[in-house]
Amino acid sequence: TSYDVDIYDIDLFDSPIELISQLHSDRRRVVCYFSAGSFEDWREDAPAFQPDDIGNQLDGWEGERWLDVRSPAVQAIMLTRLNLARDKGCDGVEPDNVDGYDNDTGFPLTAEDQLTFNRFLADQAHARGLAIALKNDGAQLPDLLSHYDFALNEQCHEYEECQDLAPLVAAGKAAFNVEYRDSLDAATQLAESICPRANAAGLRTLILTLDLDDAFRISCFDDF
């Protein structure tokens, strides 16, 4: 909690109210992460999900499976999570895995299904006084721009998708981006390549470890 930054993005479930209060006392804003599109078997509310709403496993993430976001039962659980974010004092939320329509979820999700769910999340977050980030799903950003307050993107430089965030930047909304490397040397080399481009595009780019273990942190915005 010692970084001199405006915003901390922390886990909704794992972060106690005392941590959020401490960050607020340090004049930080707090964004709380939860997965809106996937079932995680280690979460305290995992028993609330119905088996029929749990689909295929997310590639590379043990214990995590896609959800049928069309399900009223899934949506009700997400409302409870938004209530938790409000009650803990989060300033905003980062709902993850909101691009199931573009993945092998095990459900016949369409692009319109995804837009409906993502707008539902945004409207319900705002109804609770929470800001909301669009996590990845850059392809649908033009249709969601008026609903979302900022964006958090993973690896747009690696996958050559950073141009998807241009409408958000043009609208004067923050575009946060993180890239991942395994070592400080690799991260430093990447920074030399991408940071000038990131800054020119109006992105707030960090380079971190995938484990988010604070082994290193390179900020394009601060350092380049």
C-alpha atoms as a PDB file:
ATOM      1  CA  THR A   1       0.000   0.000   0.000  1.00  0.00           C
ATOM      2  CA  SER A   2       3.030   2.305  -0.198  1.00  0.00           C
ATOM      3  CA  TYR A   3       2.907   3.212  -3.893  1.00  0.00           C
ATOM      4  CA  ASP A   4       2.190   6.886  -4.574  1.00  0.00           C
ATOM      5  CA  VAL A   5      -0.713   6.259  -6.940  1.00  0.00           C
ATOM      6  CA  ASP A   6      -4.275   7.518  -7.248  1.00  0.00           C
ATOM      7  CA  ILE A   7      -5.999   4.142  -7.522  1.00  0.00           C
ATOM      8  CA  TYR A   8      -5.555   0.673  -6.080  1.00  0.00           C
ATOM      9  CA  ASP A   9      -7.260  -2.306  -7.727  1.00  0.00           C
ATOM     10  CA  ILE A  10      -7.746  -5.050  -5.128  1.00  0.00           C
ATOM     11  CA  ASP A  11      -9.704  -8.265  -4.702  1.00  0.00           C
ATOM     12  CA  LEU A  12     -13.277  -7.792  -3.491  1.00  0.00           C
ATOM     13  CA  PHE A  13     -13.388 -10.924  -1.363  1.00  0.00           C
ATOM     14  CA  ASP A  14      -9.835 -11.097  -0.050  1.00  0.00           C
ATOM     15  CA  SER A  15      -9.517  -7.446   0.988  1.00  0.00           C
ATOM     16  CA  PRO A  16     -10.850  -6.509   4.440  1.00  0.00           C
ATOM     17  CA  ILE A  17     -12.750  -3.306   5.095  1.00  0.00           C
ATOM     18  CA  GLU A  18      -9.793  -2.117   7.167  1.00  0.00           C
ATOM     19  CA  LEU A  19      -7.530  -2.216   4.100  1.00  0.00           C
ATOM     20  CA  ILE A  20      -9.995  -0.177   2.067  1.00  0.00           C
ATOM     21  CA  SER A  21     -10.307   2.333   4.904  1.00  0.00           C
ATOM     22  CA  GLN A  22      -6.523   2.584   5.115  1.00  0.00           C
ATOM     23  CA  LEU A  23      -6.248   3.276   1.386  1.00  0.00           C
ATOM     24  CA  HIS A  24      -8.958   5.920   1.653  1.00  0.00           C
ATOM     25  CA  SER A  25      -7.134   7.560   4.547  1.00  0.00           C
ATOM     26  CA  ASP A  26      -4.078   7.698   2.264  1.00  0.00           C
ATOM     27  CA  ARG A  27      -6.263   9.494  -0.297  1.00  0.00           C
ATOM     28  CA  ARG A  28      -6.404   6.567  -2.699  1.00  0.00           C
ATOM     29  CA  ARG A  29      -9.447   5.444  -4.625  1.00  0.00           C
ATOM     30  CA  VAL A  30     -10.235   1.748  -4.452  1.00  0.00           C
ATOM     31  CA  VAL A  31     -11.452  -0.450  -7.297  1.00  0.00           C
ATOM     32  CA  CYS A  32     -12.585  -3.930  -6.256  1.00  0.00           C
ATOM     33  CA  TYR A  33     -12.076  -6.941  -8.509  1.00  0.00           C
ATOM     34  CA  PHE A  34     -14.501  -9.811  -8.910  1.00  0.00           C
ATOM     35  CA  SER A  35     -15.234 -12.214 -11.727  1.00  0.00           C
ATOM     36  CA  ALA A  36     -18.653 -11.623 -13.249  1.00  0.00           C
ATOM     37  CA  GLY A  37     -18.401 -14.206 -16.003  1.00  0.00           C
ATOM     38  CA  SER A  38     -16.769 -17.156 -14.304  1.00  0.00           C
ATOM     39  CA  PHE A  39     -17.321 -19.493 -11.368  1.00  0.00           C
ATOM     40  CA  GLU A  40     -14.368 -19.755  -8.979  1.00  0.00           C
ATOM     41  CA  ASP A  41     -14.579 -22.759  -6.688  1.00  0.00           C
ATOM     42  CA  TRP A  42     -12.625 -21.089  -3.871  1.00  0.00           C
ATOM     43  CA  ARG A  43     -14.926 -18.106  -3.389  1.00  0.00           C
ATOM     44  CA  GLU A  44     -17.120 -17.922  -0.308  1.00  0.00           C
ATOM     45  CA  ASP A  45     -20.288 -17.665  -2.393  1.00  0.00           C
ATOM     46  CA  ALA A  46     -19.431 -20.625  -4.676  1.00  0.00           C
ATOM     47  CA  PRO A  47     -22.243 -22.794  -3.202  1.00  0.00           C
ATOM     48  CA  ALA A  48     -24.812 -20.248  -4.393  1.00  0.00           C
ATOM     49  CA  PHE A  49     -24.277 -21.109  -8.068  1.00  0.00           C
ATOM     50  CA  GLN A  50     -26.535 -23.610  -9.799  1.00  0.00           C
ATOM     51  CA  PRO A  51     -24.750 -26.513 -11.568  1.00  0.00           C
ATOM     52  CA  ASP A  52     -26.569 -25.845 -14.851  1.00  0.00           C
ATOM     53  CA  ASP A  53     -25.093 -22.348 -14.948  1.00  0.00           C
ATOM     54  CA  ILE A  54     -21.475 -23.581 -14.737  1.00  0.00           C
ATOM     55  CA  GLY A  55     -19.788 -24.352 -18.056  1.00  0.00           C
ATOM     56  CA  ASN A  56     -16.349 -25.091 -19.452  1.00  0.00           C
ATOM     57  CA  GLN A  57     -13.087 -24.479 -17.652  1.00  0.00           C
ATOM     58  CA  LEU A  58     -11.169 -21.310 -18.384  1.00  0.00           C
ATOM     59  CA  ASP A  59      -7.973 -22.221 -20.168  1.00  0.00           C
ATOM     60  CA  GLY A  60      -5.063 -22.069 -17.742  1.00  0.00           C
ATOM     61  CA  TRP A  61      -7.072 -21.274 -14.613  1.00  0.00           C
ATOM     62  CA  GLU A  62      -7.637 -24.214 -12.300  1.00  0.00           C
ATOM     63  CA  GLY A  63     -10.921 -24.213 -10.421  1.00  0.00           C
ATOM     64  CA  GLU A  64     -12.469 -21.548 -12.678  1.00  0.00           C
ATOM     65  CA  ARG A  65     -15.290 -22.200 -15.146  1.00  0.00           C
ATOM     66  CA  TRP A  66     -17.378 -20.026 -17.435  1.00  0.00           C
ATOM     67  CA  LEU A  67     -20.873 -18.978 -16.385  1.00  0.00           C
ATOM     68  CA  ASP A  68     -24.112 -18.664 -18.321  1.00  0.00           C
ATOM     69  CA  VAL A  69     -24.518 -14.919 -17.951  1.00  0.00           C
ATOM     70  CA  ARG A  70     -28.057 -15.119 -19.321  1.00  0.00           C
ATOM     71  CA  SER A  71     -29.147 -16.869 -16.123  1.00  0.00           C
ATOM     72  CA  PRO A  72     -31.225 -14.843 -13.632  1.00  0.00           C
ATOM     73  CA  ALA A  73     -29.547 -16.845 -10.851  1.00  0.00           C
ATOM     74  CA  VAL A  74     -26.090 -15.742 -12.014  1.00  0.00           C
ATOM     75  CA  GLN A  75     -27.252 -12.144 -12.284  1.00  0.00           C
ATOM     76  CA  ALA A  76     -28.675 -12.274  -8.758  1.00  0.00           C
ATOM     77  CA  ILE A  77     -25.291 -13.404  -7.402  1.00  0.00           C
ATOM     78  CA  MET A  78     -23.598 -10.524  -9.212  1.00  0.00           C
ATOM     79  CA  LEU A  79     -26.023  -8.098  -7.553  1.00  0.00           C
ATOM     80  CA  THR A  80     -25.002  -9.525  -4.187  1.00  0.00           C
ATOM     81  CA  ARG A  81     -21.358  -9.000  -5.103  1.00  0.00           C
ATOM     82  CA  LEU A  82     -22.056  -5.406  -6.089  1.00  0.00           C
ATOM     83  CA  ASN A  83     -23.793  -4.922  -2.752  1.00  0.00           C
ATOM     84  CA  LEU A  84     -20.680  -6.277  -1.034  1.00  0.00           C
ATOM     85  CA  ALA A  85     -18.500  -3.814  -2.952  1.00  0.00           C
ATOM     86  CA  ARG A  86     -20.752  -0.950  -1.908  1.00  0.00           C
ATOM     87  CA  ASP A  87     -20.879  -2.074   1.714  1.00  0.00           C
ATOM     88  CA  LYS A  88     -17.101  -2.482   1.936  1.00  0.00           C
ATOM     89  CA  GLY A  89     -16.607   1.064   0.682  1.00  0.00           C
ATOM     90  CA  CYS A  90     -15.185   0.338  -2.770  1.00  0.00           C
ATOM     91  CA  ASP A  91     -15.231   3.343  -5.088  1.00  0.00           C
ATOM     92  CA  GLY A  92     -15.575   1.193  -8.177  1.00  0.00           C
ATOM     93  CA  VAL A  93     -15.559  -2.363  -9.455  1.00  0.00           C
ATOM     94  CA  GLU A  94     -13.696  -4.373 -12.062  1.00  0.00           C
ATOM     95  CA  PRO A  95     -15.922  -7.267 -13.199  1.00  0.00           C
ATOM     96  CA  ASP A  96     -13.739  -9.780 -15.013  1.00  0.00           C
ATOM     97  CA  ASN A  97     -14.449 -12.311 -17.783  1.00  0.00           C
ATOM     98  CA  VAL A  98     -17.154 -10.254 -19.471  1.00  0.00           C
ATOM     99  CA  ASP A  99     -16.275 -11.565 -22.932  1.00  0.00           C
ATOM    100  CA  GLY A 100     -17.635 -15.098 -22.689  1.00  0.00           C
ATOM    101  CA  TYR A 101     -19.414 -14.781 -26.028  1.00  0.00           C
ATOM    102  CA  ASP A 102     -15.973 -14.799 -27.661  1.00  0.00           C
ATOM    103  CA  ASN A 103     -14.799 -17.911 -25.785  1.00  0.00           C
ATOM    104  CA  ASP A 104     -15.652 -21.595 -25.542  1.00  0.00           C
ATOM    105  CA  THR A 105     -17.943 -21.303 -22.546  1.00  0.00           C
ATOM    106  CA  GLY A 106     -20.139 -24.325 -23.150  1.00  0.00           C
ATOM    107  CA  PHE A 107     -23.127 -22.031 -23.655  1.00  0.00           C
ATOM    108  CA  PRO A 108     -24.488 -20.527 -26.911  1.00  0.00           C
ATOM    109  CA  LEU A 109     -23.779 -16.963 -25.836  1.00  0.00           C
ATOM    110  CA  THR A 110     -24.169 -14.311 -28.515  1.00  0.00           C
ATOM    111  CA  ALA A 111     -22.610 -10.881 -28.748  1.00  0.00           C
ATOM    112  CA  GLU A 112     -26.008  -9.406 -27.879  1.00  0.00           C
ATOM    113  CA  ASP A 113     -26.249 -11.645 -24.784  1.00  0.00           C
ATOM    114  CA  GLN A 114     -22.900 -10.252 -23.673  1.00  0.00           C
ATOM    115  CA  LEU A 115     -23.893  -6.654 -24.290  1.00  0.00           C
ATOM    116  CA  THR A 116     -27.077  -7.151 -22.294  1.00  0.00           C
ATOM    117  CA  PHE A 117     -25.160  -8.610 -19.352  1.00  0.00           C
ATOM    118  CA  ASN A 118     -22.423  -5.986 -19.461  1.00  0.00           C
ATOM    119  CA  ARG A 119     -24.942  -3.155 -19.538  1.00  0.00           C
ATOM    120  CA  PHE A 120     -26.772  -4.800 -16.647  1.00  0.00           C
ATOM    121  CA  LEU A 121     -23.557  -4.797 -14.600  1.00  0.00           C
ATOM    122  CA  ALA A 122     -22.856  -1.154 -15.395  1.00  0.00           C
ATOM    123  CA  ASP A 123     -26.372   0.024 -14.628  1.00  0.00           C
ATOM    124  CA  GLN A 124     -26.461  -1.880 -11.342  1.00  0.00           C
ATOM    125  CA  ALA A 125     -23.017  -0.636 -10.315  1.00  0.00           C
ATOM    126  CA  HIS A 126     -24.054   2.957 -10.963  1.00  0.00           C
ATOM    127  CA  ALA A 127     -27.282   2.428  -9.027  1.00  0.00           C
ATOM    128  CA  ARG A 128     -25.072   1.625  -6.023  1.00  0.00           C
ATOM    129  CA  GLY A 129     -22.824   4.637  -6.486  1.00  0.00           C
ATOM    130  CA  LEU A 130     -19.962   2.584  -7.905  1.00  0.00           C
ATOM    131  CA  ALA A 131     -17.806   3.382 -10.896  1.00  0.00           C
ATOM    132  CA  ILE A 132     -17.219   0.435 -13.207  1.00  0.00           C
ATOM    133  CA  ALA A 133     -14.379  -0.681 -15.469  1.00  0.00           C
ATOM    134  CA  LEU A 134     -14.785  -2.565 -18.726  1.00  0.00           C
ATOM    135  CA  LYS A 135     -12.343  -5.472 -18.408  1.00  0.00           C
ATOM    136  CA  ASN A 136     -10.903  -6.403 -21.795  1.00  0.00           C
ATOM    137  CA  ASP A 137     -13.837  -6.961 -24.276  1.00  0.00           C
ATOM    138  CA  GLY A 138     -12.424  -4.179 -26.414  1.00  0.00           C
ATOM    139  CA  ALA A 139     -14.349  -5.349 -29.464  1.00  0.00           C
ATOM    140  CA  GLN A 140     -17.598  -4.298 -27.784  1.00  0.00           C
ATOM    141  CA  LEU A 141     -16.308  -1.034 -26.361  1.00  0.00           C
ATOM    142  CA  PRO A 142     -18.072   1.181 -28.955  1.00  0.00           C
ATOM    143  CA  ASP A 143     -21.410  -0.267 -27.826  1.00  0.00           C
ATOM    144  CA  LEU A 144     -20.541   0.041 -24.131  1.00  0.00           C
ATOM    145  CA  LEU A 145     -18.696   3.344 -24.030  1.00  0.00           C
ATOM    146  CA  SER A 146     -21.588   5.319 -22.575  1.00  0.00           C
ATOM    147  CA  HIS A 147     -22.133   2.711 -19.849  1.00  0.00           C
ATOM    148  CA  TYR A 148     -18.577   2.298 -18.548  1.00  0.00           C
ATOM    149  CA  ASP A 149     -16.461   4.832 -16.692  1.00  0.00           C
ATOM    150  CA  PHE A 150     -13.014   3.485 -17.541  1.00  0.00           C
ATOM    151  CA  ALA A 151     -11.335   0.363 -18.884  1.00  0.00           C
ATOM    152  CA  LEU A 152      -8.811  -2.136 -17.615  1.00  0.00           C
ATOM    153  CA  ASN A 153      -7.063  -4.100 -20.330  1.00  0.00           C
ATOM    154  CA  GLU A 154      -4.646  -6.989 -20.123  1.00  0.00           C
ATOM    155  CA  GLN A 155      -1.940  -7.434 -22.746  1.00  0.00           C
ATOM    156  CA  CYS A 156      -3.264  -5.252 -25.533  1.00  0.00           C
ATOM    157  CA  HIS A 157       0.320  -4.645 -26.662  1.00  0.00           C
ATOM    158  CA  GLU A 158       1.045  -8.367 -26.755  1.00  0.00           C
ATOM    159  CA  TYR A 159      -2.098  -9.103 -28.746  1.00  0.00           C
ATOM    160  CA  GLU A 160      -2.022  -5.890 -30.819  1.00  0.00           C
ATOM    161  CA  GLU A 161      -5.419  -4.729 -29.558  1.00  0.00           C
ATOM    162  CA  CYS A 162      -4.565  -1.362 -28.017  1.00  0.00           C
ATOM    163  CA  GLN A 163      -6.325   0.478 -30.826  1.00  0.00           C
ATOM    164  CA  ASP A 164      -9.597  -0.871 -29.397  1.00  0.00           C
ATOM    165  CA  LEU A 165      -9.161   1.522 -26.466  1.00  0.00           C
ATOM    166  CA  ALA A 166      -8.876   4.648 -28.626  1.00  0.00           C
ATOM    167  CA  PRO A 167     -12.591   5.588 -28.391  1.00  0.00           C
ATOM    168  CA  LEU A 168     -12.377   5.485 -24.597  1.00  0.00           C
ATOM    169  CA  VAL A 169      -9.311   7.732 -24.512  1.00  0.00           C
ATOM    170  CA  ALA A 170     -10.954  10.099 -26.984  1.00  0.00           C
ATOM    171  CA  ALA A 171     -13.946  10.319 -24.649  1.00  0.00           C
ATOM    172  CA  GLY A 172     -11.663  11.456 -21.830  1.00  0.00           C
ATOM    173  CA  LYS A 173     -11.975   8.233 -19.833  1.00  0.00           C
ATOM    174  CA  ALA A 174      -9.063   6.409 -18.243  1.00  0.00           C
ATOM    175  CA  ALA A 175      -7.607   3.380 -20.025  1.00  0.00           C
ATOM    176  CA  PHE A 176      -5.499   1.214 -17.712  1.00  0.00           C
ATOM    177  CA  ASN A 177      -3.345  -1.499 -19.275  1.00  0.00           C
ATOM    178  CA  VAL A 178      -1.154  -4.207 -17.795  1.00  0.00           C
ATOM    179  CA  GLU A 179       1.398  -6.376 -19.548  1.00  0.00           C
ATOM    180  CA  TYR A 180       3.052  -9.392 -17.927  1.00  0.00           C
ATOM    181  CA  ARG A 181       6.632 -10.654 -17.872  1.00  0.00           C
ATOM    182  CA  ASP A 182       8.412 -13.267 -15.765  1.00  0.00           C
ATOM    183  CA  SER A 183      11.504 -11.260 -14.851  1.00  0.00           C
ATOM    184  CA  LEU A 184      12.598  -7.695 -14.286  1.00  0.00           C
ATOM    185  CA  ASP A 185      15.043  -7.888 -17.202  1.00  0.00           C
ATOM    186  CA  ALA A 186      12.289  -8.991 -19.573  1.00  0.00           C
ATOM    187  CA  ALA A 187       9.962  -6.340 -18.209  1.00  0.00           C
ATOM    188  CA  THR A 188      12.584  -3.623 -18.668  1.00  0.00           C
ATOM    189  CA  GLN A 189      13.164  -4.652 -22.276  1.00  0.00           C
ATOM    190  CA  LEU A 190       9.430  -4.637 -22.930  1.00  0.00           C
ATOM    191  CA  ALA A 191       9.070  -1.195 -21.358  1.00  0.00           C
ATOM    192  CA  GLU A 192      11.650   0.278 -23.703  1.00  0.00           C
ATOM    193  CA  SER A 193       9.598  -0.997 -26.616  1.00  0.00           C
ATOM    194  CA  ILE A 194       6.029  -0.250 -25.592  1.00  0.00           C
ATOM    195  CA  CYS A 195       6.079   2.629 -23.117  1.00  0.00           C
ATOM    196  CA  PRO A 196       6.574   5.437 -25.638  1.00  0.00           C
ATOM    197  CA  ARG A 197       3.674   4.043 -27.686  1.00  0.00           C
ATOM    198  CA  ALA A 198       1.507   3.542 -24.616  1.00  0.00           C
ATOM    199  CA  ASN A 199       2.041   7.082 -23.420  1.00  0.00           C
ATOM    200  CA  ALA A 200       1.394   8.514 -26.878  1.00  0.00           C
ATOM    201  CA  ALA A 201      -1.884   6.585 -27.010  1.00  0.00           C
ATOM    202  CA  GLY A 202      -3.002   7.890 -23.611  1.00  0.00           C
ATOM    203  CA  LEU A 203      -2.768   4.503 -21.881  1.00  0.00           C
ATOM    204  CA  ARG A 204      -1.735   4.055 -18.236  1.00  0.00           C
ATOM    205  CA  THR A 205       0.454   0.992 -18.666  1.00  0.00           C
ATOM    206  CA  LEU A 206       2.066  -1.146 -15.974  1.00  0.00           C
ATOM    207  CA  ILE A 207       4.319  -4.158 -16.452  1.00  0.00           C
ATOM    208  CA  LEU A 208       3.936  -6.725 -13.674  1.00  0.00           C
ATOM    209  CA  THR A 209       4.358 -10.421 -12.931  1.00  0.00           C
ATOM    210  CA  LEU A 210       1.363 -12.573 -13.784  1.00  0.00           C
ATOM    211  CA  ASP A 211       1.289 -13.718 -10.148  1.00  0.00           C
ATOM    212  CA  LEU A 212       0.931 -10.080  -9.000  1.00  0.00           C
ATOM    213  CA  ASP A 213       3.446 -10.827  -6.243  1.00  0.00           C
ATOM    214  CA  ASP A 214       5.105  -7.381  -6.346  1.00  0.00           C
ATOM    215  CA  ALA A 215       8.415  -8.873  -7.513  1.00  0.00           C
ATOM    216  CA  PHE A 216       8.694  -5.809  -9.753  1.00  0.00           C
ATOM    217  CA  ARG A 217       6.546  -2.970 -11.040  1.00  0.00           C
ATOM    218  CA  ILE A 218       7.319  -0.806 -14.055  1.00  0.00           C
ATOM    219  CA  SER A 219       5.045   2.131 -14.783  1.00  0.00           C
ATOM    220  CA  CYS A 220       5.202   3.580 -18.266  1.00  0.00           C
ATOM    221  CA  PHE A 221       3.273   6.642 -17.139  1.00  0.00           C
ATOM    222  CA  ASP A 222       5.660   7.490 -14.299  1.00  0.00           C
ATOM    223  CA  ASP A 223       8.974   6.394 -15.727  1.00  0.00           C
ATOM    224  CA  PHE A 224       8.925   7.213 -19.441  1.00  0.00           C
END
